[in-house]
C-alpha atoms as a PDB file:
ATOM      1  CA  UNK A   1      -5.848  -7.471 -19.713  1.00  0.00           C
ATOM      2  CA  UNK A   2      -6.466  -9.432 -16.006  1.00  0.00           C
ATOM      3  CA  UNK A   3      -2.455  -9.995 -14.860  1.00  0.00           C
ATOM      4  CA  UNK A   4      -2.086  -5.802 -15.621  1.00  0.00           C
ATOM      5  CA  UNK A   5      -4.148  -4.883 -11.667  1.00  0.00           C
ATOM      6  CA  UNK A   6      -1.062  -7.420 -10.109  1.00  0.00           C
ATOM      7  CA  UNK A   7       0.816  -4.064 -10.729  1.00  0.00           C
ATOM      8  CA  UNK A   8      -0.382  -2.260  -8.549  1.00  0.00           C
ATOM      9  CA  UNK A   9       0.553  -4.695  -5.897  1.00  0.00           C
ATOM     10  CA  UNK A  10       4.052  -3.316  -6.405  1.00  0.00           C
ATOM     11  CA  UNK A  11       3.065   0.586  -4.788  1.00  0.00           C
ATOM     12  CA  UNK A  12       3.479  -0.518  -1.141  1.00  0.00           C
ATOM     13  CA  UNK A  13       6.093  -2.694  -1.493  1.00  0.00           C
ATOM     14  CA  UNK A  14       8.349   0.221  -3.441  1.00  0.00           C
ATOM     15  CA  UNK A  15       6.351   2.789  -1.177  1.00  0.00           C
ATOM     16  CA  UNK A  16       7.742   0.687   2.192  1.00  0.00           C
ATOM     17  CA  UNK A  17      11.207  -0.463   0.037  1.00  0.00           C
ATOM     18  CA  UNK A  18      12.511   3.770   0.313  1.00  0.00           C
ATOM     19  CA  UNK A  19      13.733   4.882   3.780  1.00  0.00           C
ATOM     20  CA  UNK A  20      15.319   8.480   2.529  1.00  0.00           C
ATOM     21  CA  UNK A  21      11.577   8.952   1.772  1.00  0.00           C
ATOM     22  CA  UNK A  22       9.638   9.065   5.402  1.00  0.00           C
ATOM     23  CA  UNK A  23      13.053   8.771   6.866  1.00  0.00           C
ATOM     24  CA  UNK A  24      12.236  11.533   8.714  1.00  0.00           C
ATOM     25  CA  UNK A  25      10.381  13.546  12.002  1.00  0.00           C
ATOM     26  CA  UNK A  26       7.810  15.632  10.589  1.00  0.00           C
ATOM     27  CA  UNK A  27       5.035  16.317  10.437  1.00  0.00           C
ATOM     28  CA  UNK A  28       3.996  14.303  13.021  1.00  0.00           C
ATOM     29  CA  UNK A  29       0.444  12.742  13.195  1.00  0.00           C
ATOM     30  CA  UNK A  30      -0.660  12.964  16.771  1.00  0.00           C
ATOM     31  CA  UNK A  31       2.453  12.727  18.330  1.00  0.00           C
ATOM     32  CA  UNK A  32       3.960   9.934  15.949  1.00  0.00           C
ATOM     33  CA  UNK A  33       7.021  10.634  13.868  1.00  0.00           C
ATOM     34  CA  UNK A  34       6.481  10.688  10.231  1.00  0.00           C
ATOM     35  CA  UNK A  35       8.085   7.521   9.699  1.00  0.00           C
ATOM     36  CA  UNK A  36       6.591   5.134  12.317  1.00  0.00           C
ATOM     37  CA  UNK A  37       2.759   7.447  10.890  1.00  0.00           C
ATOM     38  CA  UNK A  38       4.143   6.556   7.730  1.00  0.00           C
ATOM     39  CA  UNK A  39       4.120   3.094   7.868  1.00  0.00           C
ATOM     40  CA  UNK A  40       1.334   2.697   9.469  1.00  0.00           C
ATOM     41  CA  UNK A  41      -0.967   4.081   7.254  1.00  0.00           C
ATOM     42  CA  UNK A  42       0.414   1.694   3.874  1.00  0.00           C
ATOM     43  CA  UNK A  43      -1.002  -1.420   6.648  1.00  0.00           C
ATOM     44  CA  UNK A  44      -4.554  -0.335   5.101  1.00  0.00           C
ATOM     45  CA  UNK A  45      -3.938   1.761   1.910  1.00  0.00           C
ATOM     46  CA  UNK A  46      -2.502  -2.289   0.742  1.00  0.00           C
ATOM     47  CA  UNK A  47      -5.408  -3.945   2.638  1.00  0.00           C
ATOM     48  CA  UNK A  48      -7.895  -1.740  -0.146  1.00  0.00           C
ATOM     49  CA  UNK A  49      -5.236  -2.424  -2.959  1.00  0.00           C
ATOM     50  CA  UNK A  50      -5.623  -5.736  -2.232  1.00  0.00           C
ATOM     51  CA  UNK A  51      -8.596  -5.885  -2.544  1.00  0.00           C
ATOM     52  CA  UNK A  52      -9.164  -4.416  -5.804  1.00  0.00           C
ATOM     53  CA  UNK A  53      -6.709  -6.347  -7.223  1.00  0.00           C
ATOM     54  CA  UNK A  54      -8.609  -9.803  -6.146  1.00  0.00           C
ATOM     55  CA  UNK A  55     -12.145  -8.460  -6.806  1.00  0.00           C
ATOM     56  CA  UNK A  56     -10.365  -7.652 -10.794  1.00  0.00           C
ATOM     57  CA  UNK A  57      -8.689 -10.622 -11.349  1.00  0.00           C
ATOM     58  CA  UNK A  58     -11.358 -13.242 -10.678  1.00  0.00           C
ATOM     59  CA  UNK A  59     -12.753 -14.854 -12.638  1.00  0.00           C
ATOM     60  CA  UNK A  60     -16.579 -14.565 -12.942  1.00  0.00           C
ATOM     61  CA  UNK A  61     -17.045 -18.335 -12.211  1.00  0.00           C
ATOM     62  CA  UNK A  62     -14.803 -18.275  -8.864  1.00  0.00           C
ATOM     63  CA  UNK A  63     -17.752 -15.847  -7.205  1.00  0.00           C
END
């Protein structure tokens, strides 16, 4: 069951792998086109997903 959590790691990869999803300028955020802030938004999201996966898949004896 623990290995099923690794499937969450596909989300950041897929979210940045398909440029037609984010290859446009609007909506802008603080003057940054969507193309840039969408990719930058994935940095903390990926860190949170990675932390979640690590905490859910770590064995209790490893703590």
